[in-house]
Amino acid sequence: MTFRMEADGLEWLFIPLHQMVSWGASGAMVFGGVVPYIPQYRDIKRTQNAEGFSTYVCLVLLVANILRILFWFGRHFESPLLWQSIVMIFTMLLMLKLCTEVRVTNELNLKRRSFAAADSKDEEIKVLPRRSYLDFDLHYFWHWSKFTDYVQCVLTFTGVTGYITYLSLDSALFVETLGFLAVFTEAMLGVPQLYRNYQNRSTEGMSIKMVLMWTSGDTFKTVYFILNQAPFQFSICGLLQVLVDMAILLQVYLYTYYPQKPASHAAHPVSAKAL
């Protein structure tokens, strides 16, 4: 009788403890994904230089999380994952806004300095050529001059994919393919940064803290997927994402202790070719 009373007492203690751990894990899933971008955001804000950060990382995450939200309408999964996607979309828009403002300001200052060196009457020419989403120029895709162009692109993509999803929700094959595309796109998150580092033969300007947080967060996320029996696409692509993170950390080691000369490229505007 005494043993049963003690067991009941322990059960009363473990139930709220389990709930607290569950809430903590859910909170980490919702907000943990945006934490790696805090040091990168602060670095860009402090240095007023966004050249080391690939804005295609933002593109990958925006596409992946929009597709994941649409996948939820066809096959419901854990609510923390849904809220994580919503929070991540707003975070990537903030990163894009900052990067665009910094890049345009730097280009304008560079242009003014070039004019000043060539002609003392340069005050009449201060406006750089504006690159707009509505120009439909693939050469400048995702490298526009205004933040509103990025918002227009995201809204267009959301509208088109949302309409296609609405028409195809009855197809199990379409829903599963949509889920795979969502997590596979997210698994490719680090690839633009990996390629940019390879082009520059350097990781200068990239926040190493961001990549370390990517690695720890992706590892936690993959374990969360497996333990909570999330759709199999989530677990497989989570493992792939961890491998890409490890490859970037390997670049940090190689380019730090074995520095290389930047690869030569054909003459193109730097702002147009930078990822």
Protein backbone atom coordinates (compact mmCIF):
# COMPACT_ATOMS: atom_id res chain seq x y z
CA MET A 1 0.00 0.00 0.00
CA THR A 2 2.83 2.36 0.89
CA PHE A 3 4.67 1.47 -2.36
CA ARG A 4 1.55 2.30 -4.41
CA MET A 5 1.18 5.66 -2.67
CA GLU A 6 4.82 6.48 -3.41
CA ALA A 7 4.35 5.46 -7.06
CA ASP A 8 1.27 7.70 -7.31
CA GLY A 9 3.28 10.57 -5.84
CA LEU A 10 6.08 10.08 -8.34
CA GLU A 11 3.59 9.87 -11.20
CA TRP A 12 2.07 13.19 -10.08
CA LEU A 13 5.58 14.67 -10.25
CA PHE A 14 6.63 13.14 -13.60
CA ILE A 15 3.51 14.15 -15.55
CA PRO A 16 4.04 17.94 -15.25
CA LEU A 17 7.81 17.40 -15.72
CA HIS A 18 7.16 15.55 -18.96
CA GLN A 19 4.83 18.32 -20.07
CA MET A 20 7.47 20.97 -19.34
CA VAL A 21 10.10 19.05 -21.34
CA SER A 22 7.61 18.66 -24.19
CA TRP A 23 6.82 22.38 -24.17
CA GLY A 24 10.52 23.21 -24.05
CA ALA A 25 11.24 20.97 -27.04
CA SER A 26 8.33 22.49 -28.95
CA GLY A 27 9.54 26.02 -28.17
CA ALA A 28 13.04 25.09 -29.30
CA MET A 29 11.62 23.80 -32.58
CA VAL A 30 9.59 26.96 -33.19
CA PHE A 31 12.25 29.55 -32.38
CA GLY A 32 15.48 27.57 -32.49
CA GLY A 33 15.66 27.76 -36.27
CA VAL A 34 15.97 31.56 -36.29
CA VAL A 35 18.66 31.78 -33.58
CA PRO A 36 21.59 31.07 -35.99
CA TYR A 37 20.73 34.18 -37.99
CA ILE A 38 20.97 36.55 -35.02
CA PRO A 39 24.82 36.72 -35.05
CA GLN A 40 24.84 37.03 -38.85
CA TYR A 41 22.25 39.81 -38.73
CA ARG A 42 24.28 41.64 -36.07
CA ASP A 43 27.51 41.23 -38.05
CA ILE A 44 25.93 42.70 -41.19
CA LYS A 45 24.36 45.52 -39.18
CA ARG A 46 27.67 46.30 -37.46
CA THR A 47 29.95 46.12 -40.52
CA GLN A 48 27.42 47.39 -43.09
CA ASN A 49 28.71 44.65 -45.39
CA ALA A 50 26.58 41.73 -46.59
CA GLU A 51 29.03 40.29 -49.12
CA GLY A 52 29.92 37.30 -46.96
CA PHE A 53 26.32 36.14 -46.60
CA SER A 54 24.47 34.49 -49.48
CA THR A 55 20.94 35.83 -49.83
CA TYR A 56 20.13 32.62 -51.69
CA VAL A 57 20.04 31.05 -48.22
CA CYS A 58 16.97 33.23 -47.65
CA LEU A 59 15.50 32.08 -50.97
CA VAL A 60 15.97 28.42 -50.09
CA LEU A 61 14.35 28.83 -46.68
CA LEU A 62 11.45 30.88 -48.00
CA VAL A 63 10.64 28.29 -50.67
CA ALA A 64 11.09 25.36 -48.27
CA ASN A 65 8.87 26.81 -45.54
CA ILE A 66 6.14 27.96 -47.92
CA LEU A 67 6.02 24.44 -49.37
CA ARG A 68 6.00 22.95 -45.87
CA ILE A 69 2.99 25.07 -44.88
CA LEU A 70 1.17 23.95 -48.04
CA PHE A 71 2.11 20.33 -47.23
CA TRP A 72 0.39 20.74 -43.86
CA PHE A 73 -2.95 21.29 -45.61
CA GLY A 74 -2.60 17.90 -47.29
CA ARG A 75 -1.12 16.01 -44.36
CA HIS A 76 -1.21 17.49 -40.89
CA PHE A 77 1.98 17.22 -38.85
CA GLU A 78 3.10 18.59 -35.48
CA SER A 79 2.00 22.18 -34.82
CA PRO A 80 5.51 23.31 -33.70
CA LEU A 81 6.82 22.51 -37.18
CA LEU A 82 4.06 24.59 -38.73
CA TRP A 83 4.77 27.56 -36.46
CA GLN A 84 8.49 27.15 -37.10
CA SER A 85 7.84 27.70 -40.81
CA ILE A 86 5.81 30.86 -40.16
CA VAL A 87 8.47 32.32 -37.85
CA MET A 88 11.24 31.42 -40.32
CA ILE A 89 9.50 33.18 -43.22
CA PHE A 90 9.31 36.44 -41.28
CA THR A 91 12.95 36.05 -40.19
CA MET A 92 14.18 35.55 -43.76
CA LEU A 93 12.26 38.61 -44.91
CA LEU A 94 14.01 40.65 -42.21
CA MET A 95 17.38 39.31 -43.35
CA LEU A 96 16.57 40.20 -46.96
CA LYS A 97 15.50 43.68 -45.98
CA LEU A 98 18.76 44.36 -44.17
CA CYS A 99 20.96 42.84 -46.91
CA THR A 100 19.19 44.81 -49.62
CA GLU A 101 19.50 48.11 -47.78
CA VAL A 102 23.20 47.53 -47.03
CA ARG A 103 24.05 46.40 -50.56
CA VAL A 104 22.26 49.28 -52.27
CA THR A 105 23.87 51.81 -49.92
CA ASN A 106 27.33 50.38 -50.58
CA GLU A 107 26.78 50.34 -54.34
CA LEU A 108 25.63 53.94 -54.28
CA ASN A 109 28.67 55.02 -52.26
CA LEU A 110 30.98 53.14 -54.61
CA LYS A 111 29.33 54.74 -57.63
CA ARG A 112 29.70 58.19 -56.11
CA ARG A 113 33.38 57.60 -55.40
CA SER A 114 33.92 56.42 -58.98
CA PHE A 115 32.20 59.52 -60.37
CA ALA A 116 34.19 61.79 -58.03
CA ALA A 117 37.45 60.32 -59.29
CA ALA A 118 36.46 60.79 -62.94
CA ASP A 119 34.55 64.05 -62.97
CA SER A 120 34.11 66.80 -60.42
CA LYS A 121 30.64 67.50 -61.83
CA ASP A 122 29.29 64.11 -60.80
CA GLU A 123 26.64 65.54 -58.49
CA GLU A 124 24.15 65.42 -61.35
CA ILE A 125 24.45 61.62 -61.60
CA LYS A 126 23.68 59.82 -58.39
CA VAL A 127 21.09 57.19 -59.21
CA LEU A 128 22.20 53.64 -59.90
CA PRO A 129 20.34 51.50 -62.44
CA ARG A 130 17.40 50.00 -60.54
CA ARG A 131 16.89 46.26 -60.84
CA SER A 132 13.28 45.22 -60.37
CA TYR A 133 11.44 41.92 -60.05
CA LEU A 134 9.01 43.12 -62.74
CA ASP A 135 11.88 43.48 -65.23
CA PHE A 136 11.93 39.66 -65.45
CA ASP A 137 15.68 39.76 -66.07
CA LEU A 138 17.05 36.37 -65.00
CA HIS A 139 20.56 37.77 -64.89
CA TYR A 140 19.55 39.82 -61.85
CA PHE A 141 17.18 37.28 -60.31
CA TRP A 142 17.14 37.57 -56.50
CA HIS A 143 19.46 40.53 -56.66
CA TRP A 144 16.98 43.38 -56.89
CA SER A 145 17.34 46.93 -55.69
CA LYS A 146 14.25 47.13 -53.46
CA PHE A 147 12.97 44.93 -50.69
CA THR A 148 9.44 45.19 -52.10
CA ASP A 149 10.59 43.26 -55.18
CA TYR A 150 11.47 40.29 -52.98
CA VAL A 151 8.09 40.51 -51.28
CA GLN A 152 6.32 40.54 -54.68
CA CYS A 153 8.27 37.47 -55.75
CA VAL A 154 7.43 35.59 -52.53
CA LEU A 155 3.74 36.49 -52.80
CA THR A 156 3.64 35.40 -56.45
CA PHE A 157 5.28 32.06 -55.63
CA THR A 158 2.92 31.53 -52.68
CA GLY A 159 -0.13 32.32 -54.79
CA VAL A 160 0.80 30.05 -57.68
CA THR A 161 1.87 27.08 -55.56
CA GLY A 162 -1.08 27.58 -53.23
CA TYR A 163 -3.53 27.46 -56.14
CA ILE A 164 -1.90 24.32 -57.57
CA THR A 165 -1.98 22.69 -54.13
CA TYR A 166 -5.66 23.57 -53.68
CA LEU A 167 -6.48 21.84 -56.96
CA SER A 168 -4.36 18.76 -56.17
CA LEU A 169 -5.04 18.09 -52.49
CA ASP A 170 -6.98 14.91 -53.33
CA SER A 171 -3.88 13.36 -54.89
CA ALA A 172 -1.82 11.46 -52.31
CA LEU A 173 1.11 11.36 -54.73
CA PHE A 174 1.08 15.14 -55.11
CA VAL A 175 0.90 15.71 -51.34
CA GLU A 176 3.80 13.36 -50.61
CA THR A 177 5.85 14.89 -53.42
CA LEU A 178 5.12 18.35 -52.03
CA GLY A 179 6.32 17.25 -48.60
CA PHE A 180 9.50 15.81 -50.07
CA LEU A 181 10.20 18.98 -52.06
CA ALA A 182 9.69 21.08 -48.92
CA VAL A 183 12.19 19.23 -46.76
CA PHE A 184 14.64 18.51 -49.61
CA THR A 185 14.76 22.22 -50.44
CA GLU A 186 15.44 23.00 -46.80
CA ALA A 187 18.15 20.31 -46.78
CA MET A 188 19.87 22.29 -49.53
CA LEU A 189 19.95 25.34 -47.25
CA GLY A 190 23.71 25.36 -46.84
CA VAL A 191 24.55 24.71 -50.50
CA PRO A 192 24.48 28.40 -51.62
CA GLN A 193 26.79 29.31 -48.75
CA LEU A 194 28.99 26.29 -49.51
CA TYR A 195 29.29 27.38 -53.15
CA ARG A 196 29.92 31.01 -52.25
CA ASN A 197 32.75 30.00 -49.93
CA TYR A 198 34.20 27.83 -52.69
CA GLN A 199 34.05 30.74 -55.15
CA ASN A 200 35.73 33.12 -52.72
CA ARG A 201 38.18 30.48 -51.50
CA SER A 202 37.39 31.96 -48.12
CA THR A 203 34.76 32.02 -45.38
CA GLU A 204 35.44 35.67 -44.50
CA GLY A 205 32.23 37.60 -43.84
CA MET A 206 30.30 34.42 -42.99
CA SER A 207 29.32 34.04 -39.35
CA ILE A 208 30.92 30.83 -38.06
CA LYS A 209 28.56 31.03 -35.08
CA MET A 210 25.68 30.82 -37.56
CA VAL A 211 27.03 27.59 -39.08
CA LEU A 212 27.73 26.05 -35.67
CA MET A 213 24.14 26.85 -34.69
CA TRP A 214 22.95 25.39 -37.99
CA THR A 215 24.75 22.14 -37.18
CA SER A 216 23.50 21.86 -33.60
CA GLY A 217 19.98 22.93 -34.57
CA ASP A 218 19.76 20.54 -37.52
CA THR A 219 21.03 17.69 -35.37
CA PHE A 220 18.41 18.43 -32.71
CA LYS A 221 15.73 18.80 -35.37
CA THR A 222 16.60 15.47 -37.01
CA VAL A 223 16.46 13.66 -33.66
CA TYR A 224 13.12 15.39 -32.97
CA PHE A 225 11.78 14.15 -36.32
CA ILE A 226 12.85 10.57 -35.60
CA LEU A 227 11.55 10.45 -32.02
CA ASN A 228 8.20 12.04 -32.92
CA GLN A 229 7.73 9.84 -35.98
CA ALA A 230 7.41 12.77 -38.35
CA PRO A 231 6.86 11.96 -42.05
CA PHE A 232 9.88 10.01 -43.32
CA GLN A 233 10.83 12.84 -45.71
CA PHE A 234 11.66 15.03 -42.71
CA SER A 235 14.13 12.56 -41.15
CA ILE A 236 16.00 11.71 -44.37
CA CYS A 237 16.46 15.32 -45.44
CA GLY A 238 17.38 16.33 -41.89
CA LEU A 239 20.34 13.95 -42.06
CA LEU A 240 21.33 15.41 -45.43
CA GLN A 241 21.18 18.90 -43.95
CA VAL A 242 23.57 17.93 -41.16
CA LEU A 243 26.05 16.60 -43.76
CA VAL A 244 25.97 19.92 -45.65
CA ASP A 245 26.59 21.80 -42.38
CA MET A 246 29.60 19.60 -41.70
CA ALA A 247 30.95 20.33 -45.19
CA ILE A 248 30.80 24.09 -44.50
CA LEU A 249 32.62 23.61 -41.19
CA LEU A 250 35.28 21.68 -43.10
CA GLN A 251 35.62 24.68 -45.43
CA VAL A 252 36.16 26.91 -42.39
CA TYR A 253 39.01 24.69 -41.24
CA LEU A 254 40.63 24.38 -44.68
CA TYR A 255 40.40 28.05 -45.66
CA THR A 256 41.60 29.16 -42.21
CA TYR A 257 44.66 26.93 -41.92
CA TYR A 258 45.33 26.43 -45.65
CA PRO A 259 44.37 29.79 -47.26
CA GLN A 260 43.98 29.84 -51.03
CA LYS A 261 43.89 32.54 -53.66
CA PRO A 262 40.39 33.50 -54.91
CA ALA A 263 39.41 31.84 -58.16
CA SER A 264 39.52 34.11 -61.20
CA HIS A 265 36.20 34.86 -62.89
CA ALA A 266 35.14 36.49 -66.09
CA ALA A 267 34.51 40.20 -65.93
CA HIS A 268 30.95 40.58 -64.59
CA PRO A 269 29.45 43.08 -62.21
CA VAL A 270 30.23 41.76 -58.74
CA SER A 271 26.77 42.56 -57.46
CA ALA A 272 25.15 40.59 -60.27
CA LYS A 273 27.20 37.41 -59.90
CA ALA A 274 27.42 37.21 -56.12
CA LEU A 275 25.19 34.52 -54.68
